[in-house]
Amino acid sequence: MHYMVVIEEGPTSFGAYVPDLPGCIAVGESSQEALQLIQEAIELHIEELKSEGLNIPVPHSSSSFVEVHA
């Protein structure tokens, strides 16, 4: 499965989250580290859902960029 990951740069770190998996987050010192950690977090999140007998959310989020003239 392919889940969309959002990475946001903060003042001192990078945060990552998965819109289709509420509560699945990670923080790293770089965007690359945040991406690596969120991949691990996704796998653990899915394992936990399975162990609790819950359904695994199907990925459905997408993203696009729009250009604006400011």
PDB file of N, CA and C in Angstrom:
ATOM      1  N   MET A   1       0.845  -1.177   0.000  1.00  0.00           N
ATOM      2  CA  MET A   1       0.000   0.000   0.000  1.00  0.00           C
ATOM      3  C   MET A   1       0.888   1.237   0.000  1.00  0.00           C
ATOM      4  N   HIS A   2       0.388   2.290  -0.596  1.00  0.00           N
ATOM      5  CA  HIS A   2       1.095   3.567  -0.634  1.00  0.00           C
ATOM      6  C   HIS A   2       0.269   4.605   0.112  1.00  0.00           C
ATOM      7  N   TYR A   3       0.806   5.104   1.210  1.00  0.00           N
ATOM      8  CA  TYR A   3       0.135   6.145   1.982  1.00  0.00           C
ATOM      9  C   TYR A   3       0.800   7.485   1.715  1.00  0.00           C
ATOM     10  N   MET A   4      -0.004   8.523   1.579  1.00  0.00           N
ATOM     11  CA  MET A   4       0.525   9.867   1.421  1.00  0.00           C
ATOM     12  C   MET A   4       1.057  10.331   2.775  1.00  0.00           C
ATOM     13  N   VAL A   5       2.252  10.898   2.767  1.00  0.00           N
ATOM     14  CA  VAL A   5       2.884  11.416   3.971  1.00  0.00           C
ATOM     15  C   VAL A   5       3.061  12.921   3.797  1.00  0.00           C
ATOM     16  N   VAL A   6       2.716  13.672   4.823  1.00  0.00           N
ATOM     17  CA  VAL A   6       2.924  15.116   4.825  1.00  0.00           C
ATOM     18  C   VAL A   6       4.114  15.399   5.733  1.00  0.00           C
ATOM     19  N   ILE A   7       5.069  16.157   5.209  1.00  0.00           N
ATOM     20  CA  ILE A   7       6.242  16.548   5.997  1.00  0.00           C
ATOM     21  C   ILE A   7       6.216  18.058   6.142  1.00  0.00           C
ATOM     22  N   GLU A   8       6.330  18.504   7.389  1.00  0.00           N
ATOM     23  CA  GLU A   8       6.321  19.934   7.672  1.00  0.00           C
ATOM     24  C   GLU A   8       7.598  20.316   8.401  1.00  0.00           C
ATOM     25  N   GLU A   9       8.190  21.422   7.978  1.00  0.00           N
ATOM     26  CA  GLU A   9       9.397  21.907   8.639  1.00  0.00           C
ATOM     27  C   GLU A   9       9.016  22.828   9.783  1.00  0.00           C
ATOM     28  N   GLY A  10       9.519  22.527  10.966  1.00  0.00           N
ATOM     29  CA  GLY A  10       9.300  23.367  12.132  1.00  0.00           C
ATOM     30  C   GLY A  10      10.554  24.158  12.445  1.00  0.00           C
ATOM     31  N   PRO A  11      10.536  24.917  13.520  1.00  0.00           N
ATOM     32  CA  PRO A  11      11.696  25.738  13.870  1.00  0.00           C
ATOM     33  C   PRO A  11      12.966  24.935  14.147  1.00  0.00           C
ATOM     34  N   THR A  12      12.804  23.717  14.697  1.00  0.00           N
ATOM     35  CA  THR A  12      13.993  22.936  15.066  1.00  0.00           C
ATOM     36  C   THR A  12      13.965  21.495  14.566  1.00  0.00           C
ATOM     37  N   SER A  13      12.904  21.092  13.869  1.00  0.00           N
ATOM     38  CA  SER A  13      12.795  19.703  13.422  1.00  0.00           C
ATOM     39  C   SER A  13      11.800  19.610  12.269  1.00  0.00           C
ATOM     40  N   PHE A  14      11.649  18.398  11.763  1.00  0.00           N
ATOM     41  CA  PHE A  14      10.683  18.110  10.715  1.00  0.00           C
ATOM     42  C   PHE A  14       9.661  17.122  11.269  1.00  0.00           C
ATOM     43  N   GLY A  15       8.402  17.397  11.042  1.00  0.00           N
ATOM     44  CA  GLY A  15       7.340  16.508  11.473  1.00  0.00           C
ATOM     45  C   GLY A  15       6.717  15.823  10.269  1.00  0.00           C
ATOM     46  N   ALA A  16       6.253  14.614  10.462  1.00  0.00           N
ATOM     47  CA  ALA A  16       5.598  13.861   9.395  1.00  0.00           C
ATOM     48  C   ALA A  16       4.332  13.233   9.951  1.00  0.00           C
ATOM     49  N   TYR A  17       3.285  13.223   9.123  1.00  0.00           N
ATOM     50  CA  TYR A  17       2.061  12.548   9.505  1.00  0.00           C
ATOM     51  C   TYR A  17       1.370  11.969   8.281  1.00  0.00           C
ATOM     52  N   VAL A  18       0.441  11.049   8.544  1.00  0.00           N
ATOM     53  CA  VAL A  18      -0.261  10.329   7.485  1.00  0.00           C
ATOM     54  C   VAL A  18      -1.753  10.630   7.628  1.00  0.00           C
ATOM     55  N   PRO A  19      -2.333  11.422   6.721  1.00  0.00           N
ATOM     56  CA  PRO A  19      -3.746  11.779   6.852  1.00  0.00           C
ATOM     57  C   PRO A  19      -4.687  10.570   6.945  1.00  0.00           C
ATOM     58  N   ASP A  20      -4.336   9.487   6.288  1.00  0.00           N
ATOM     59  CA  ASP A  20      -5.208   8.308   6.293  1.00  0.00           C
ATOM     60  C   ASP A  20      -5.041   7.427   7.526  1.00  0.00           C
ATOM     61  N   LEU A  21      -4.052   7.745   8.372  1.00  0.00           N
ATOM     62  CA  LEU A  21      -3.812   6.978   9.596  1.00  0.00           C
ATOM     63  C   LEU A  21      -3.738   7.950  10.772  1.00  0.00           C
ATOM     64  N   PRO A  22      -4.873   8.392  11.264  1.00  0.00           N
ATOM     65  CA  PRO A  22      -4.869   9.366  12.363  1.00  0.00           C
ATOM     66  C   PRO A  22      -4.021   8.892  13.544  1.00  0.00           C
ATOM     67  N   GLY A  23      -3.192   9.799  14.042  1.00  0.00           N
ATOM     68  CA  GLY A  23      -2.327   9.480  15.164  1.00  0.00           C
ATOM     69  C   GLY A  23      -0.975   8.928  14.779  1.00  0.00           C
ATOM     70  N   CYS A  24      -0.767   8.679  13.502  1.00  0.00           N
ATOM     71  CA  CYS A  24       0.510   8.137  13.041  1.00  0.00           C
ATOM     72  C   CYS A  24       1.413   9.312  12.677  1.00  0.00           C
ATOM     73  N   ILE A  25       2.403   9.577  13.546  1.00  0.00           N
ATOM     74  CA  ILE A  25       3.274  10.734  13.372  1.00  0.00           C
ATOM     75  C   ILE A  25       4.717  10.358  13.652  1.00  0.00           C
ATOM     76  N   ALA A  26       5.628  11.211  13.185  1.00  0.00           N
ATOM     77  CA  ALA A  26       7.053  11.029  13.466  1.00  0.00           C
ATOM     78  C   ALA A  26       7.730  12.394  13.403  1.00  0.00           C
ATOM     79  N   VAL A  27       8.856  12.513  14.092  1.00  0.00           N
ATOM     80  CA  VAL A  27       9.633  13.748  14.093  1.00  0.00           C
ATOM     81  C   VAL A  27      11.094  13.386  13.886  1.00  0.00           C
ATOM     82  N   GLY A  28      11.771  14.156  13.015  1.00  0.00           N
ATOM     83  CA  GLY A  28      13.186  13.928  12.773  1.00  0.00           C
ATOM     84  C   GLY A  28      13.940  15.234  12.652  1.00  0.00           C
ATOM     85  N   GLU A  29      15.247  15.131  12.683  1.00  0.00           N
ATOM     86  CA  GLU A  29      16.089  16.316  12.551  1.00  0.00           C
ATOM     87  C   GLU A  29      16.192  16.797  11.111  1.00  0.00           C
ATOM     88  N   SER A  30      15.858  15.936  10.150  1.00  0.00           N
ATOM     89  CA  SER A  30      15.854  16.297   8.732  1.00  0.00           C
ATOM     90  C   SER A  30      14.596  15.720   8.100  1.00  0.00           C
ATOM     91  N   SER A  31      14.277  16.190   6.906  1.00  0.00           N
ATOM     92  CA  SER A  31      13.097  15.635   6.229  1.00  0.00           C
ATOM     93  C   SER A  31      13.323  14.163   5.890  1.00  0.00           C
ATOM     94  N   GLN A  32      14.562  13.805   5.553  1.00  0.00           N
ATOM     95  CA  GLN A  32      14.871  12.411   5.242  1.00  0.00           C
ATOM     96  C   GLN A  32      14.691  11.523   6.472  1.00  0.00           C
ATOM     97  N   GLU A  33      15.140  12.015   7.629  1.00  0.00           N
ATOM     98  CA  GLU A  33      14.968  11.234   8.850  1.00  0.00           C
ATOM     99  C   GLU A  33      13.490  11.101   9.206  1.00  0.00           C
ATOM    100  N   ALA A  34      12.737  12.187   9.062  1.00  0.00           N
ATOM    101  CA  ALA A  34      11.297  12.131   9.343  1.00  0.00           C
ATOM    102  C   ALA A  34      10.610  11.133   8.424  1.00  0.00           C
ATOM    103  N   LEU A  35      11.008  11.098   7.160  1.00  0.00           N
ATOM    104  CA  LEU A  35      10.408  10.158   6.210  1.00  0.00           C
ATOM    105  C   LEU A  35      10.742   8.720   6.581  1.00  0.00           C
ATOM    106  N   GLN A  36      11.977   8.478   6.983  1.00  0.00           N
ATOM    107  CA  GLN A  36      12.367   7.129   7.413  1.00  0.00           C
ATOM    108  C   GLN A  36      11.580   6.705   8.653  1.00  0.00           C
ATOM    109  N   LEU A  37      11.471   7.622   9.610  1.00  0.00           N
ATOM    110  CA  LEU A  37      10.771   7.297  10.850  1.00  0.00           C
ATOM    111  C   LEU A  37       9.274   7.110  10.641  1.00  0.00           C
ATOM    112  N   ILE A  38       8.676   7.883   9.719  1.00  0.00           N
ATOM    113  CA  ILE A  38       7.234   7.717   9.489  1.00  0.00           C
ATOM    114  C   ILE A  38       6.956   6.385   8.804  1.00  0.00           C
ATOM    115  N   GLN A  39       7.880   5.919   7.970  1.00  0.00           N
ATOM    116  CA  GLN A  39       7.689   4.604   7.355  1.00  0.00           C
ATOM    117  C   GLN A  39       7.641   3.524   8.433  1.00  0.00           C
ATOM    118  N   GLU A  40       8.557   3.619   9.392  1.00  0.00           N
ATOM    119  CA  GLU A  40       8.551   2.666  10.504  1.00  0.00           C
ATOM    120  C   GLU A  40       7.275   2.819  11.334  1.00  0.00           C
ATOM    121  N   ALA A  41       6.852   4.063  11.554  1.00  0.00           N
ATOM    122  CA  ALA A  41       5.638   4.315  12.340  1.00  0.00           C
ATOM    123  C   ALA A  41       4.407   3.744  11.645  1.00  0.00           C
ATOM    124  N   ILE A  42       4.350   3.854  10.322  1.00  0.00           N
ATOM    125  CA  ILE A  42       3.213   3.297   9.564  1.00  0.00           C
ATOM    126  C   ILE A  42       3.150   1.795   9.762  1.00  0.00           C
ATOM    127  N   GLU A  43       4.296   1.141   9.628  1.00  0.00           N
ATOM    128  CA  GLU A  43       4.328  -0.318   9.790  1.00  0.00           C
ATOM    129  C   GLU A  43       3.875  -0.723  11.190  1.00  0.00           C
ATOM    130  N   LEU A  44       4.361  -0.017  12.217  1.00  0.00           N
ATOM    131  CA  LEU A  44       3.948  -0.321  13.590  1.00  0.00           C
ATOM    132  C   LEU A  44       2.467  -0.023  13.813  1.00  0.00           C
ATOM    133  N   HIS A  45       1.993   1.070  13.235  1.00  0.00           N
ATOM    134  CA  HIS A  45       0.586   1.450  13.367  1.00  0.00           C
ATOM    135  C   HIS A  45      -0.324   0.370  12.776  1.00  0.00           C
ATOM    136  N   ILE A  46       0.042  -0.116  11.605  1.00  0.00           N
ATOM    137  CA  ILE A  46      -0.755  -1.158  10.942  1.00  0.00           C
ATOM    138  C   ILE A  46      -0.701  -2.460  11.744  1.00  0.00           C
ATOM    139  N   GLU A  47       0.476  -2.812  12.261  1.00  0.00           N
ATOM    140  CA  GLU A  47       0.592  -4.015  13.098  1.00  0.00           C
ATOM    141  C   GLU A  47      -0.329  -3.918  14.312  1.00  0.00           C
ATOM    142  N   GLU A  48      -0.366  -2.739  14.933  1.00  0.00           N
ATOM    143  CA  GLU A  48      -1.212  -2.536  16.111  1.00  0.00           C
ATOM    144  C   GLU A  48      -2.689  -2.660  15.753  1.00  0.00           C
ATOM    145  N   LEU A  49      -3.084  -2.065  14.638  1.00  0.00           N
ATOM    146  CA  LEU A  49      -4.480  -2.178  14.209  1.00  0.00           C
ATOM    147  C   LEU A  49      -4.857  -3.648  13.985  1.00  0.00           C
ATOM    148  N   LYS A  50      -3.969  -4.381  13.322  1.00  0.00           N
ATOM    149  CA  LYS A  50      -4.221  -5.805  13.076  1.00  0.00           C
ATOM    150  C   LYS A  50      -4.348  -6.579  14.382  1.00  0.00           C
ATOM    151  N   SER A  51      -3.453  -6.302  15.334  1.00  0.00           N
ATOM    152  CA  SER A  51      -3.469  -7.039  16.597  1.00  0.00           C
ATOM    153  C   SER A  51      -4.743  -6.769  17.385  1.00  0.00           C
ATOM    154  N   GLU A  52      -5.346  -5.598  17.171  1.00  0.00           N
ATOM    155  CA  GLU A  52      -6.601  -5.257  17.838  1.00  0.00           C
ATOM    156  C   GLU A  52      -7.821  -5.692  17.029  1.00  0.00           C
ATOM    157  N   GLY A  53      -7.587  -6.340  15.887  1.00  0.00           N
ATOM    158  CA  GLY A  53      -8.685  -6.818  15.052  1.00  0.00           C
ATOM    159  C   GLY A  53      -9.415  -5.707  14.323  1.00  0.00           C
ATOM    160  N   LEU A  54      -8.755  -4.566  14.146  1.00  0.00           N
ATOM    161  CA  LEU A  54      -9.389  -3.440  13.467  1.00  0.00           C
ATOM    162  C   LEU A  54      -9.055  -3.435  11.982  1.00  0.00           C
ATOM    163  N   ASN A  55      -9.877  -2.773  11.199  1.00  0.00           N
ATOM    164  CA  ASN A  55      -9.642  -2.662   9.764  1.00  0.00           C
ATOM    165  C   ASN A  55      -8.472  -1.728   9.480  1.00  0.00           C
ATOM    166  N   ILE A  56      -7.719  -2.052   8.453  1.00  0.00           N
ATOM    167  CA  ILE A  56      -6.621  -1.209   8.009  1.00  0.00           C
ATOM    168  C   ILE A  56      -7.201  -0.184   7.037  1.00  0.00           C
ATOM    169  N   PRO A  57      -7.058   1.115   7.344  1.00  0.00           N
ATOM    170  CA  PRO A  57      -7.601   2.126   6.435  1.00  0.00           C
ATOM    171  C   PRO A  57      -6.951   2.046   5.051  1.00  0.00           C
ATOM    172  N   VAL A  58      -7.782   2.105   4.039  1.00  0.00           N
ATOM    173  CA  VAL A  58      -7.298   2.104   2.666  1.00  0.00           C
ATOM    174  C   VAL A  58      -6.790   3.505   2.344  1.00  0.00           C
ATOM    175  N   PRO A  59      -5.615   3.614   1.737  1.00  0.00           N
ATOM    176  CA  PRO A  59      -5.125   4.943   1.377  1.00  0.00           C
ATOM    177  C   PRO A  59      -6.072   5.614   0.379  1.00  0.00           C
ATOM    178  N   HIS A  60      -6.435   6.866   0.662  1.00  0.00           N
ATOM    179  CA  HIS A  60      -7.305   7.579  -0.276  1.00  0.00           C
ATOM    180  C   HIS A  60      -6.929   9.047  -0.419  1.00  0.00           C
ATOM    181  N   SER A  61      -5.984   9.517   0.401  1.00  0.00           N
ATOM    182  CA  SER A  61      -5.568  10.917   0.307  1.00  0.00           C
ATOM    183  C   SER A  61      -4.662  11.120  -0.898  1.00  0.00           C
ATOM    184  N   SER A  62      -4.675  12.331  -1.404  1.00  0.00           N
ATOM    185  CA  SER A  62      -3.779  12.711  -2.491  1.00  0.00           C
ATOM    186  C   SER A  62      -3.362  14.156  -2.260  1.00  0.00           C
ATOM    187  N   SER A  63      -2.434  14.618  -3.041  1.00  0.00           N
ATOM    188  CA  SER A  63      -1.996  16.002  -2.890  1.00  0.00           C
ATOM    189  C   SER A  63      -1.745  16.611  -4.254  1.00  0.00           C
ATOM    190  N   SER A  64      -1.805  17.905  -4.289  1.00  0.00           N
ATOM    191  CA  SER A  64      -1.525  18.665  -5.503  1.00  0.00           C
ATOM    192  C   SER A  64      -0.915  19.990  -5.096  1.00  0.00           C
ATOM    193  N   PHE A  65      -0.226  20.579  -6.008  1.00  0.00           N
ATOM    194  CA  PHE A  65       0.308  21.917  -5.801  1.00  0.00           C
ATOM    195  C   PHE A  65      -0.401  22.872  -6.746  1.00  0.00           C
ATOM    196  N   VAL A  66      -0.638  24.067  -6.286  1.00  0.00           N
ATOM    197  CA  VAL A  66      -1.202  25.100  -7.140  1.00  0.00           C
ATOM    198  C   VAL A  66      -0.266  26.295  -7.109  1.00  0.00           C
ATOM    199  N   GLU A  67      -0.146  26.946  -8.232  1.00  0.00           N
ATOM    200  CA  GLU A  67       0.694  28.127  -8.306  1.00  0.00           C
ATOM    201  C   GLU A  67      -0.160  29.359  -8.089  1.00  0.00           C
ATOM    202  N   VAL A  68       0.308  30.247  -7.248  1.00  0.00           N
ATOM    203  CA  VAL A  68      -0.400  31.509  -6.997  1.00  0.00           C
ATOM    204  C   VAL A  68       0.582  32.658  -7.250  1.00  0.00           C
ATOM    205  N   HIS A  69       0.039  33.734  -7.691  1.00  0.00           N
ATOM    206  CA  HIS A  69       0.855  34.926  -7.931  1.00  0.00           C
ATOM    207  C   HIS A  69       0.613  35.877  -6.787  1.00  0.00           C
ATOM    208  N   ALA A  70       1.638  36.053  -5.983  1.00  0.00           N
ATOM    209  CA  ALA A  70       1.492  36.922  -4.812  1.00  0.00           C
ATOM    210  C   ALA A  70       2.403  38.126  -4.903  1.00  0.00           C
TER     211      ALA A  70
END
